[in-house]
Amino acid sequence: MSGTTMAAAALRRRAAGAGANRWVVLVVLCVSLLLVALDATVLHVAVPAVTEDLKPGAIELLWIVDVYPLVCASLLILFGTLGDRVGRRRILLLGYGLFGIASGLAALAHDAQVLILARALLGVGGAMIMPATLSILRQVFPDRRERAVAIGVWSAVAAVGAAVGPLLGGFLLEHFWWGSVFLVNIPLMLISLPIGRLLLPESRGDRNGPWDIVGALMAAGGLFGVVFGVKRLGGGEPVESGWTVAPLLVGAVLLALFVRRQRRRTHPLVDLKMFRRPAFSTSVGCIVLAMLALVGLELIAAQYLQLVLGLSPLQTGLRLLPLTFAAMAAGLFGARMLRRFGPRRMVCFGFCLTAVSVLTLTAMGGRDNAGLLLFGFLLLGFGLEMTLFGAYESMLSEAPPAQAGGAAAIGETSYQLGAGIGIALLGSVMNAAYAPGLSSVPGVPASASASAGHSLGEAYDVAGRLGGVRGAALRHAARDAFVHGLHVTLLVSAGLLLLGAVMALRLPRIMQCEAPLATVPAPREVAQSRVSA
């Protein structure tokens, strides 16, 4: 009887402690996510300063920018599933330490090779942190209603980090050298490590059977090849190039072998049976499609604001801030909307609202229309966050708790793949619609027109070298062609978003919440029940 009483009391204490600390845990996890999201974009504005100081070659500069997301996307499944095995908090804390060390190495890099290595290590640290935050969140918030609120805050922080990165980088560059964009991570990591060790709970998944290290390496190699090939396509590299085709083929083969291996193993690294659940597979598809339709579009919009409207990088960042604020609002109110409307209507409506915003932005022309851009970006941010919030919440809730790390890694990998494919696809659409407008500019040589057809920035360079009437004509034609290409790209993006709305119809109609945990009986009630038995 005394043993039962002590067990009941301990259970009550654990339940009370979890209730008191889970929101503090959410704050710690959001700080982790903020750092990773910041580092994904903070370097963008520092590229000119890095180029002037380190003088990297064209290939080295490409690797400086791309190696972080490339390594991070490749290792998400490896570290997500490893966390399920050895402990998610352990992986998260190791990620903190590595992220801080890599930040110091990047800040003090004296040549391009050291900076590339440091950025790669940052990618490893990011891959350790990202799935761990979501899987710990899944464990700490077993009640779906509270978990939806937590995911809303989590996603709002992600939106803030991605948007604040360029602004923070610009501020630091105005006052310090380019390495300061990395040094800002170190004090935050020094704070997060002890706080995380003290407050974050340890959790694990199913530990039956050995961890499939071969499968983990196959997944990492396959994702690296696919993401690398997709990024080359997005950068305008020719499809027939060996450096584009070979990574794509090798990556696809490795991923196919990975899937085959997982199906045959008694204790798979990733339980592919999760994809048999319509809500899980549909949620993953919605994440891919949402990012595919919009990430490339965001890059094109940034070029429009700077090259067509002539805004500075800081002004461009400020113009895009309404998108972030709208995404934050959707994340914070997402839980309430999900309970009221259910996953199906919420995600479907999010896709439709985003499609409406994209179609609204087709009214953009060669002149600045601040009101139109403000309205379009507000709708875009709110609709996109509604879509991603509903999809992430449904995906994470459908995954078994033991597979939380693997499910979170699949979601983040889907996000990264969708973003990479979107840049390649919409970039190709943009180029196909833009280049023909420069094929026959009066007075401009064919060679100059061909060079100008590569990008709007290159067209401006060619126009500057030509000068006079011919240069002005080429510049005007390039601006008009870019606006036309932007309109075509927006229409394609809207079509993809409407396809996503149709896909979302497979999601559950209502938000099915787990039954609340039974209350722990008082010691006297436990004793009486034992006696009566």
Protein backbone atom coordinates (compact mmCIF):
# COMPACT_ATOMS: atom_id res chain seq x y z
CA MET A 1 0.00 0.00 0.00
CA SER A 2 2.79 2.40 0.87
CA GLY A 3 4.46 1.67 -2.48
CA THR A 4 1.26 2.49 -4.35
CA THR A 5 0.81 5.67 -2.35
CA MET A 6 4.37 6.79 -3.05
CA ALA A 7 3.96 6.00 -6.76
CA ALA A 8 0.74 7.99 -6.94
CA ALA A 9 2.34 10.94 -5.17
CA ALA A 10 5.35 10.83 -7.49
CA LEU A 11 3.05 10.74 -10.49
CA ARG A 12 1.19 13.78 -9.22
CA ARG A 13 4.44 15.66 -8.67
CA ARG A 14 5.64 14.84 -12.19
CA ALA A 15 2.33 15.93 -13.69
CA ALA A 16 2.35 19.18 -11.71
CA GLY A 17 5.95 19.87 -12.62
CA ALA A 18 5.30 19.27 -16.29
CA GLY A 19 2.32 21.61 -16.17
CA ALA A 20 4.36 24.32 -14.51
CA ASN A 21 7.42 24.07 -16.75
CA ARG A 22 6.15 23.22 -20.23
CA TRP A 23 5.69 26.86 -21.29
CA VAL A 24 9.19 27.67 -20.07
CA VAL A 25 10.40 24.73 -22.14
CA LEU A 26 8.61 26.26 -25.14
CA VAL A 27 10.51 29.54 -24.63
CA VAL A 28 13.85 27.68 -24.58
CA LEU A 29 12.92 25.75 -27.74
CA CYS A 30 11.85 28.94 -29.51
CA VAL A 31 15.17 30.62 -28.71
CA SER A 32 16.89 27.60 -30.29
CA LEU A 33 14.75 27.88 -33.40
CA LEU A 34 15.28 31.63 -33.62
CA LEU A 35 19.05 31.19 -33.81
CA VAL A 36 18.83 28.59 -36.59
CA ALA A 37 16.33 30.67 -38.58
CA LEU A 38 18.45 33.80 -38.19
CA ASP A 39 21.59 32.07 -39.40
CA ALA A 40 19.83 30.87 -42.54
CA THR A 41 19.35 34.46 -43.79
CA VAL A 42 21.69 36.74 -41.82
CA LEU A 43 24.62 36.13 -44.19
CA HIS A 44 22.76 37.30 -47.31
CA VAL A 45 23.47 40.99 -46.76
CA ALA A 46 27.07 40.27 -45.72
CA VAL A 47 28.04 38.58 -48.99
CA PRO A 48 29.51 41.76 -50.58
CA ALA A 49 31.65 42.43 -47.47
CA VAL A 50 32.80 38.80 -47.35
CA THR A 51 33.68 38.94 -51.04
CA GLU A 52 35.72 42.12 -50.59
CA ASP A 53 37.62 40.79 -47.56
CA LEU A 54 38.23 37.10 -48.36
CA LYS A 55 38.14 37.41 -52.17
CA PRO A 56 36.61 33.97 -52.79
CA GLY A 57 36.26 32.53 -56.28
CA ALA A 58 32.83 32.14 -57.86
CA ILE A 59 32.54 28.49 -56.77
CA GLU A 60 33.78 29.27 -53.26
CA LEU A 61 31.27 32.09 -52.89
CA LEU A 62 28.47 29.76 -53.97
CA TRP A 63 29.52 27.23 -51.35
CA ILE A 64 29.76 29.90 -48.64
CA VAL A 65 26.10 30.76 -49.19
CA ASP A 66 24.69 27.30 -49.95
CA VAL A 67 26.65 24.88 -47.77
CA TYR A 68 24.65 25.71 -44.61
CA PRO A 69 21.16 24.83 -45.94
CA LEU A 70 22.61 21.96 -48.00
CA VAL A 71 24.24 20.22 -45.02
CA CYS A 72 21.34 21.01 -42.71
CA ALA A 73 18.72 19.52 -45.07
CA SER A 74 20.86 16.42 -45.66
CA LEU A 75 21.29 15.52 -41.98
CA LEU A 76 17.80 16.24 -40.60
CA ILE A 77 16.64 12.60 -40.81
CA LEU A 78 19.94 11.29 -39.42
CA PHE A 79 19.87 13.45 -36.28
CA GLY A 80 16.09 13.38 -35.90
CA THR A 81 16.08 9.59 -35.66
CA LEU A 82 19.29 9.52 -33.59
CA GLY A 83 17.55 11.76 -31.06
CA ASP A 84 14.71 9.23 -30.83
CA ARG A 85 17.31 6.63 -29.89
CA VAL A 86 19.84 8.33 -27.61
CA GLY A 87 17.78 11.23 -26.27
CA ARG A 88 16.39 14.34 -27.94
CA ARG A 89 17.66 16.74 -25.29
CA ARG A 90 21.15 15.25 -25.59
CA ILE A 91 21.21 15.86 -29.35
CA LEU A 92 19.81 19.37 -28.87
CA LEU A 93 22.48 20.32 -26.32
CA LEU A 94 25.23 18.91 -28.53
CA GLY A 95 23.79 20.98 -31.36
CA TYR A 96 23.98 24.08 -29.16
CA GLY A 97 27.65 23.47 -28.44
CA LEU A 98 28.56 22.79 -32.07
CA PHE A 99 26.60 25.81 -33.25
CA GLY A 100 28.48 28.08 -30.86
CA ILE A 101 31.92 26.68 -31.80
CA ALA A 102 31.14 26.92 -35.53
CA SER A 103 29.93 30.52 -35.11
CA GLY A 104 33.24 31.51 -33.54
CA LEU A 105 35.17 29.75 -36.29
CA ALA A 106 33.11 31.53 -38.98
CA ALA A 107 33.54 34.94 -37.37
CA LEU A 108 37.34 34.56 -37.26
CA ALA A 109 37.73 32.88 -40.68
CA HIS A 110 40.76 34.23 -42.54
CA ASP A 111 40.04 32.60 -45.90
CA ALA A 112 37.12 31.19 -47.88
CA GLN A 113 37.91 27.55 -47.13
CA VAL A 114 37.70 28.07 -43.36
CA LEU A 115 34.42 29.95 -43.74
CA ILE A 116 32.97 27.13 -45.86
CA LEU A 117 34.00 24.60 -43.21
CA ALA A 118 32.48 26.73 -40.46
CA ARG A 119 29.21 27.13 -42.40
CA ALA A 120 29.11 23.36 -42.92
CA LEU A 121 29.51 22.81 -39.16
CA LEU A 122 26.73 25.34 -38.58
CA GLY A 123 24.57 23.19 -40.88
CA VAL A 124 25.38 20.11 -38.77
CA GLY A 125 24.43 22.00 -35.62
CA GLY A 126 21.23 23.25 -37.22
CA ALA A 127 20.28 19.71 -38.25
CA MET A 128 20.73 18.62 -34.63
CA ILE A 129 18.63 21.49 -33.27
CA MET A 130 15.69 21.73 -35.69
CA PRO A 131 14.04 18.28 -35.37
CA ALA A 132 14.86 18.11 -31.66
CA THR A 133 12.84 21.27 -30.95
CA LEU A 134 9.72 19.87 -32.62
CA SER A 135 10.03 16.37 -31.15
CA ILE A 136 10.56 17.70 -27.61
CA LEU A 137 7.58 20.00 -28.16
CA ARG A 138 5.53 16.93 -29.16
CA GLN A 139 6.57 15.20 -25.95
CA VAL A 140 6.07 18.15 -23.59
CA PHE A 141 2.60 18.98 -24.92
CA PRO A 142 0.71 15.67 -25.10
CA ASP A 143 -2.65 17.49 -25.20
CA ARG A 144 -3.34 18.43 -28.80
CA ARG A 145 -5.10 21.70 -27.95
CA GLU A 146 -2.10 23.00 -26.02
CA ARG A 147 0.28 21.54 -28.58
CA ALA A 148 -1.46 23.53 -31.31
CA VAL A 149 -0.84 26.74 -29.35
CA ALA A 150 2.81 25.76 -28.87
CA ILE A 151 3.27 24.99 -32.57
CA GLY A 152 1.70 28.36 -33.41
CA VAL A 153 4.23 30.18 -31.24
CA TRP A 154 7.03 28.00 -32.66
CA SER A 155 6.08 28.80 -36.26
CA ALA A 156 5.68 32.51 -35.50
CA VAL A 157 9.22 32.58 -34.10
CA ALA A 158 10.48 30.86 -37.26
CA ALA A 159 8.86 33.59 -39.38
CA VAL A 160 10.43 36.30 -37.22
CA GLY A 161 13.89 34.75 -37.45
CA ALA A 162 13.82 34.44 -41.24
CA ALA A 163 12.72 38.06 -41.66
CA VAL A 164 14.88 39.64 -38.99
CA GLY A 165 18.05 37.95 -40.27
CA PRO A 166 18.75 40.40 -43.13
CA LEU A 167 17.78 43.40 -40.99
CA LEU A 168 20.05 42.31 -38.14
CA GLY A 169 22.84 41.59 -40.60
CA GLY A 170 22.47 45.02 -42.17
CA PHE A 171 22.58 46.74 -38.76
CA LEU A 172 25.69 44.83 -37.66
CA LEU A 173 27.49 45.55 -40.93
CA GLU A 174 26.90 49.27 -40.52
CA HIS A 175 28.70 49.24 -37.16
CA PHE A 176 31.06 46.23 -37.21
CA TRP A 177 32.88 43.87 -39.58
CA TRP A 178 31.14 40.98 -41.35
CA GLY A 179 32.17 38.41 -38.72
CA SER A 180 29.82 40.05 -36.22
CA VAL A 181 26.84 38.38 -37.93
CA PHE A 182 28.18 35.09 -36.54
CA LEU A 183 29.44 36.30 -33.16
CA VAL A 184 25.90 37.21 -32.11
CA ASN A 185 25.17 33.47 -31.81
CA ILE A 186 27.81 32.77 -29.15
CA PRO A 187 26.38 34.58 -26.08
CA LEU A 188 22.93 33.19 -26.83
CA MET A 189 24.33 29.66 -27.03
CA LEU A 190 26.29 30.16 -23.79
CA ILE A 191 22.98 31.03 -22.12
CA SER A 192 20.95 28.32 -23.83
CA LEU A 193 23.29 25.45 -22.91
CA PRO A 194 22.97 25.61 -19.10
CA ILE A 195 19.30 26.66 -19.21
CA GLY A 196 18.50 23.84 -21.62
CA ARG A 197 20.36 21.31 -19.50
CA LEU A 198 18.46 22.46 -16.42
CA LEU A 199 14.94 22.86 -17.82
CA LEU A 200 14.51 20.66 -20.88
CA PRO A 201 13.17 17.15 -20.23
CA GLU A 202 14.90 14.14 -21.74
CA SER A 203 12.76 11.93 -23.96
CA ARG A 204 13.36 8.99 -26.24
CA GLY A 205 11.39 6.94 -28.70
CA ASP A 206 11.35 3.24 -29.38
CA ARG A 207 14.78 1.82 -28.49
CA ASN A 208 14.11 -1.75 -29.67
CA GLY A 209 16.76 -3.02 -32.07
CA PRO A 210 19.98 -1.31 -33.21
CA TRP A 211 20.07 2.14 -34.74
CA ASP A 212 20.35 1.77 -38.53
CA ILE A 213 23.56 3.72 -39.17
CA VAL A 214 23.77 2.46 -42.76
CA GLY A 215 20.24 3.67 -43.45
CA ALA A 216 20.99 7.01 -41.83
CA LEU A 217 24.05 7.52 -44.06
CA MET A 218 22.06 6.48 -47.14
CA ALA A 219 19.38 9.04 -46.30
CA ALA A 220 22.00 11.75 -45.71
CA GLY A 221 23.83 10.98 -48.97
CA GLY A 222 20.62 10.77 -50.97
CA LEU A 223 19.26 14.05 -49.64
CA PHE A 224 22.61 15.77 -50.18
CA GLY A 225 22.65 14.71 -53.83
CA VAL A 226 19.05 15.69 -54.50
CA VAL A 227 19.25 19.05 -52.71
CA PHE A 228 22.61 19.85 -54.37
CA GLY A 229 21.23 19.08 -57.83
CA VAL A 230 18.07 21.07 -57.21
CA LYS A 231 20.08 24.06 -55.98
CA ARG A 232 22.18 23.98 -59.15
CA LEU A 233 19.02 23.99 -61.24
CA GLY A 234 17.72 26.89 -59.17
CA GLY A 235 20.97 28.75 -59.78
CA GLY A 236 20.43 28.58 -63.54
CA GLU A 237 22.88 25.77 -64.27
CA PRO A 238 22.08 23.77 -67.44
CA VAL A 239 20.03 20.61 -66.93
CA GLU A 240 22.40 18.53 -69.04
CA SER A 241 25.43 19.48 -66.92
CA GLY A 242 27.14 16.49 -65.33
CA TRP A 243 27.44 18.33 -62.00
CA THR A 244 23.65 18.69 -62.02
CA VAL A 245 22.49 15.34 -63.39
CA ALA A 246 24.94 13.10 -61.51
CA PRO A 247 24.06 14.31 -57.98
CA LEU A 248 20.34 14.10 -58.77
CA LEU A 249 20.63 10.53 -60.08
CA VAL A 250 22.90 9.32 -57.28
CA GLY A 251 20.70 10.99 -54.68
CA ALA A 252 17.51 9.50 -56.12
CA VAL A 253 19.06 6.01 -56.21
CA LEU A 254 20.26 6.28 -52.61
CA LEU A 255 16.84 7.46 -51.44
CA ALA A 256 15.14 4.60 -53.29
CA LEU A 257 17.52 2.11 -51.65
CA PHE A 258 16.87 3.78 -48.30
CA VAL A 259 13.10 3.31 -48.68
CA ARG A 260 13.60 -0.32 -49.73
CA ARG A 261 15.87 -0.96 -46.75
CA GLN A 262 13.43 0.59 -44.27
CA ARG A 263 10.56 -1.55 -45.54
CA ARG A 264 12.55 -4.73 -44.98
CA ARG A 265 13.91 -3.99 -41.50
CA THR A 266 12.21 -5.21 -38.36
CA HIS A 267 13.20 -1.99 -36.57
CA PRO A 268 13.38 0.67 -39.30
CA LEU A 269 15.09 4.01 -38.89
CA VAL A 270 11.91 5.76 -40.13
CA ASP A 271 8.59 3.99 -39.88
CA LEU A 272 7.30 4.44 -43.44
CA LYS A 273 3.91 3.15 -42.31
CA MET A 274 3.28 6.73 -41.15
CA PHE A 275 2.80 7.63 -44.83
CA ARG A 276 -0.13 5.21 -45.00
CA ARG A 277 -2.03 7.61 -42.77
CA PRO A 278 -3.79 10.07 -45.11
CA ALA A 279 -3.41 12.96 -42.70
CA PHE A 280 0.37 12.45 -42.37
CA SER A 281 1.17 11.97 -46.06
CA THR A 282 -1.17 14.81 -47.08
CA SER A 283 0.38 17.16 -44.54
CA VAL A 284 3.87 16.43 -45.86
CA GLY A 285 2.65 17.01 -49.43
CA CYS A 286 1.06 20.33 -48.43
CA ILE A 287 4.31 21.52 -46.84
CA VAL A 288 6.26 20.68 -50.00
CA LEU A 289 3.71 22.33 -52.29
CA ALA A 290 3.39 25.48 -50.19
CA MET A 291 7.14 26.04 -50.16
CA LEU A 292 7.47 25.06 -53.80
CA ALA A 293 4.94 27.71 -54.79
CA LEU A 294 6.26 30.55 -52.67
CA VAL A 295 9.99 30.47 -51.83
CA GLY A 296 11.18 31.09 -55.37
CA LEU A 297 8.50 33.75 -55.66
CA GLU A 298 9.86 35.55 -52.58
CA LEU A 299 13.32 35.76 -54.14
CA ILE A 300 11.84 37.14 -57.37
CA ALA A 301 9.82 39.69 -55.39
CA ALA A 302 12.99 40.88 -53.65
CA GLN A 303 14.61 41.42 -57.06
CA TYR A 304 11.52 43.32 -58.23
CA LEU A 305 11.66 45.66 -55.25
CA GLN A 306 15.36 46.40 -55.68
CA LEU A 307 15.94 46.29 -59.44
CA VAL A 308 12.60 47.49 -60.81
CA LEU A 309 11.47 49.88 -58.08
CA GLY A 310 15.03 50.87 -57.11
CA LEU A 311 14.68 50.28 -53.35
CA SER A 312 17.72 49.72 -51.15
CA PRO A 313 18.25 46.36 -49.38
CA LEU A 314 17.08 47.88 -46.10
CA GLN A 315 13.98 49.38 -47.74
CA THR A 316 13.30 46.01 -49.36
CA GLY A 317 13.48 44.27 -46.00
CA LEU A 318 11.10 46.81 -44.51
CA ARG A 319 8.63 46.33 -47.37
CA LEU A 320 8.64 42.58 -46.71
CA LEU A 321 8.07 43.00 -42.95
CA PRO A 322 4.23 43.07 -43.26
CA LEU A 323 4.49 39.51 -44.60
CA THR A 324 6.30 38.52 -41.40
CA PHE A 325 3.85 40.30 -39.10
CA ALA A 326 0.92 38.62 -40.83
CA ALA A 327 2.63 35.23 -40.49
CA MET A 328 3.19 35.89 -36.78
CA ALA A 329 -0.49 36.75 -36.30
CA ALA A 330 -1.60 33.59 -38.10
CA GLY A 331 0.76 31.50 -35.97
CA LEU A 332 -0.47 33.01 -32.70
CA PHE A 333 -4.15 32.64 -33.63
CA GLY A 334 -3.64 29.36 -35.47
CA ALA A 335 -4.63 27.10 -32.58
CA ARG A 336 -7.98 28.84 -32.18
CA MET A 337 -8.65 28.66 -35.92
CA LEU A 338 -7.67 25.00 -36.02
CA ARG A 339 -10.08 24.10 -33.22
CA ARG A 340 -12.89 26.03 -34.86
CA PHE A 341 -12.45 25.08 -38.50
CA GLY A 342 -10.49 21.81 -38.39
CA PRO A 343 -7.34 20.90 -40.39
CA ARG A 344 -9.12 20.39 -43.73
CA ARG A 345 -10.85 23.76 -43.93
CA MET A 346 -7.94 25.64 -42.36
CA VAL A 347 -5.26 24.35 -44.73
CA CYS A 348 -7.56 24.52 -47.76
CA PHE A 349 -8.57 28.10 -46.92
CA GLY A 350 -4.91 29.01 -46.31
CA PHE A 351 -3.98 27.79 -49.79
CA CYS A 352 -6.90 29.67 -51.35
CA LEU A 353 -6.13 32.89 -49.46
CA THR A 354 -2.48 32.67 -50.52
CA ALA A 355 -3.55 32.11 -54.15
CA VAL A 356 -5.75 35.23 -53.95
CA SER A 357 -2.82 37.25 -52.60
CA VAL A 358 -0.58 36.02 -55.42
CA LEU A 359 -3.19 36.92 -58.03
CA THR A 360 -3.56 40.35 -56.39
CA LEU A 361 0.16 40.94 -56.80
CA THR A 362 -0.14 40.46 -60.58
CA ALA A 363 -1.23 44.11 -60.58
CA MET A 364 2.37 45.08 -59.81
CA GLY A 365 3.94 47.07 -62.63
CA GLY A 366 6.94 49.26 -63.35
CA ARG A 367 5.83 51.88 -60.80
CA ASP A 368 5.70 51.62 -57.04
CA ASN A 369 2.29 50.88 -55.53
CA ALA A 370 2.94 50.69 -51.79
CA GLY A 371 -0.71 50.09 -50.87
CA LEU A 372 -1.07 47.15 -53.24
CA LEU A 373 2.17 45.58 -52.01
CA LEU A 374 1.16 46.04 -48.37
CA PHE A 375 -2.24 44.38 -48.95
CA GLY A 376 -0.76 41.57 -51.02
CA PHE A 377 2.04 40.79 -48.58
CA LEU A 378 -0.35 40.80 -45.60
CA LEU A 379 -2.62 38.27 -47.32
CA LEU A 380 0.39 36.26 -48.44
CA GLY A 381 1.91 36.00 -44.96
CA PHE A 382 -1.36 35.15 -43.24
CA GLY A 383 -2.41 32.56 -45.82
CA LEU A 384 0.99 30.89 -45.98
CA GLU A 385 1.27 30.60 -42.20
CA MET A 386 -2.27 29.19 -41.94
CA THR A 387 -1.29 26.52 -44.46
CA LEU A 388 2.03 25.59 -42.86
CA PHE A 389 0.65 25.72 -39.33
CA GLY A 390 -2.24 23.38 -40.11
CA ALA A 391 -0.01 21.01 -42.07
CA TYR A 392 2.75 20.85 -39.42
CA GLU A 393 0.28 20.37 -36.58
CA SER A 394 -1.56 17.58 -38.39
CA MET A 395 1.68 15.86 -39.38
CA LEU A 396 3.13 15.96 -35.87
CA SER A 397 -0.12 14.85 -34.23
CA GLU A 398 -0.50 11.89 -36.59
CA ALA A 399 3.01 10.60 -35.87
CA PRO A 400 3.45 8.12 -33.00
CA PRO A 401 5.22 9.72 -30.00
CA ALA A 402 8.07 7.20 -30.35
CA GLN A 403 8.70 8.47 -33.91
CA ALA A 404 8.45 12.18 -33.04
CA GLY A 405 12.06 12.91 -34.02
CA GLY A 406 11.77 11.11 -37.33
CA ALA A 407 8.44 12.81 -38.10
CA ALA A 408 9.86 16.25 -37.27
CA ALA A 409 12.86 15.52 -39.50
CA ILE A 410 10.55 14.48 -42.36
CA GLY A 411 8.61 17.74 -41.98
CA GLU A 412 11.74 19.89 -41.99
CA THR A 413 13.20 17.94 -44.91
CA SER A 414 9.96 18.45 -46.85
CA TYR A 415 10.23 22.16 -46.14
CA GLN A 416 13.80 22.32 -47.43
CA LEU A 417 13.10 20.19 -50.52
CA GLY A 418 10.01 22.21 -51.38
CA ALA A 419 11.99 25.43 -51.07
CA GLY A 420 14.82 24.12 -53.27
CA ILE A 421 12.49 22.75 -55.94
CA GLY A 422 10.46 25.96 -55.87
CA ILE A 423 13.51 28.10 -56.54
CA ALA A 424 14.46 25.85 -59.46
CA LEU A 425 10.95 25.58 -60.92
CA LEU A 426 9.79 29.17 -60.57
CA GLY A 427 13.24 30.43 -61.54
CA SER A 428 12.99 28.43 -64.76
CA VAL A 429 9.49 29.79 -65.43
CA MET A 430 10.74 33.31 -64.80
CA ASN A 431 13.70 32.91 -67.16
CA ALA A 432 11.53 31.35 -69.89
CA ALA A 433 9.12 34.30 -69.73
CA TYR A 434 11.80 36.98 -69.32
CA ALA A 435 14.43 36.14 -71.95
CA PRO A 436 12.23 36.36 -75.12
CA GLY A 437 11.42 40.00 -74.34
CA LEU A 438 15.06 40.92 -74.97
CA SER A 439 15.61 38.98 -78.19
CA SER A 440 14.98 41.90 -80.53
CA VAL A 441 15.66 45.27 -78.88
CA PRO A 442 16.21 47.90 -81.62
CA GLY A 443 19.85 48.87 -82.00
CA VAL A 444 21.16 46.33 -79.47
CA PRO A 445 23.57 43.64 -80.78
CA ALA A 446 22.44 40.02 -80.53
CA SER A 447 25.33 39.14 -78.21
CA ALA A 448 24.38 41.93 -75.81
CA SER A 449 20.72 40.84 -75.89
CA ALA A 450 21.74 37.25 -75.14
CA SER A 451 23.79 38.34 -72.14
CA ALA A 452 20.99 40.59 -70.90
CA GLY A 453 18.58 37.67 -71.12
CA HIS A 454 20.34 35.85 -68.26
CA SER A 455 19.02 38.16 -65.51
CA LEU A 456 17.79 41.68 -64.90
CA GLY A 457 20.96 42.60 -63.01
CA GLU A 458 23.11 41.49 -65.93
CA ALA A 459 20.85 43.40 -68.32
CA TYR A 460 21.50 46.58 -66.35
CA ASP A 461 25.26 45.95 -66.52
CA VAL A 462 25.10 45.45 -70.30
CA ALA A 463 22.94 48.58 -70.67
CA GLY A 464 25.47 50.58 -68.68
CA ARG A 465 28.30 49.46 -70.98
CA LEU A 466 26.28 50.28 -74.12
CA GLY A 467 25.21 53.69 -72.84
CA GLY A 468 23.26 56.27 -74.79
CA VAL A 469 19.96 55.52 -76.52
CA ARG A 470 20.75 51.82 -76.99
CA GLY A 471 21.51 51.35 -73.29
CA ALA A 472 18.33 53.17 -72.25
CA ALA A 473 16.26 51.06 -74.68
CA LEU A 474 17.76 47.83 -73.34
CA ARG A 475 17.21 48.90 -69.75
CA HIS A 476 13.56 49.77 -70.44
CA ALA A 477 12.96 46.51 -72.34
CA ALA A 478 14.59 44.46 -69.57
CA ARG A 479 12.41 46.08 -66.92
CA ASP A 480 9.25 45.41 -68.92
CA ALA A 481 10.32 41.83 -69.63
CA PHE A 482 11.01 41.22 -65.95
CA VAL A 483 7.58 42.51 -64.94
CA HIS A 484 5.99 40.25 -67.58
CA GLY A 485 7.99 37.28 -66.31
CA LEU A 486 6.93 38.10 -62.75
CA HIS A 487 3.26 38.05 -63.79
CA VAL A 488 3.64 34.67 -65.49
CA THR A 489 5.45 33.28 -62.45
CA LEU A 490 2.70 34.55 -60.16
CA LEU A 491 0.07 32.80 -62.27
CA VAL A 492 1.98 29.50 -62.15
CA SER A 493 2.40 29.89 -58.40
CA ALA A 494 -1.33 30.51 -57.99
CA GLY A 495 -2.06 27.32 -59.93
CA LEU A 496 0.21 25.32 -57.62
CA LEU A 497 -1.48 26.81 -54.58
CA LEU A 498 -4.94 25.86 -55.87
CA LEU A 499 -3.61 22.34 -56.45
CA GLY A 500 -2.56 22.37 -52.80
CA ALA A 501 -6.08 23.39 -51.79
CA VAL A 502 -7.43 20.33 -53.59
CA MET A 503 -4.82 18.12 -51.91
CA ALA A 504 -5.81 19.48 -48.48
CA LEU A 505 -9.30 18.00 -48.90
CA ARG A 506 -7.79 14.67 -47.75
CA LEU A 507 -7.04 16.08 -44.29
CA PRO A 508 -9.38 15.31 -41.36
CA ARG A 509 -12.46 17.51 -41.17
CA ILE A 510 -12.22 18.11 -37.41
CA MET A 511 -9.35 18.42 -34.95
CA GLN A 512 -9.48 15.14 -33.05
CA CYS A 513 -8.02 15.68 -29.60
CA GLU A 514 -6.81 12.92 -27.36
CA ALA A 515 -8.87 12.13 -24.29
CA PRO A 516 -7.55 13.99 -21.25
CA LEU A 517 -5.32 12.03 -18.94
CA ALA A 518 -7.13 10.45 -16.03
CA THR A 519 -6.66 12.33 -12.82
CA VAL A 520 -4.35 10.69 -10.32
CA PRO A 521 -6.39 9.38 -7.35
CA ALA A 522 -5.61 10.52 -3.86
CA PRO A 523 -3.58 8.14 -1.66
CA ARG A 524 -6.61 7.29 0.46
CA GLU A 525 -8.63 6.37 -2.64
CA VAL A 526 -5.79 4.18 -3.88
CA ALA A 527 -5.63 2.39 -0.52
CA GLN A 528 -9.39 1.87 -0.39
CA SER A 529 -9.45 0.46 -3.91
CA ARG A 530 -6.66 -1.96 -3.05
CA VAL A 531 -8.47 -3.10 0.11
CA SER A 532 -11.80 -3.59 -1.70
CA ALA A 533 -10.02 -5.57 -4.39
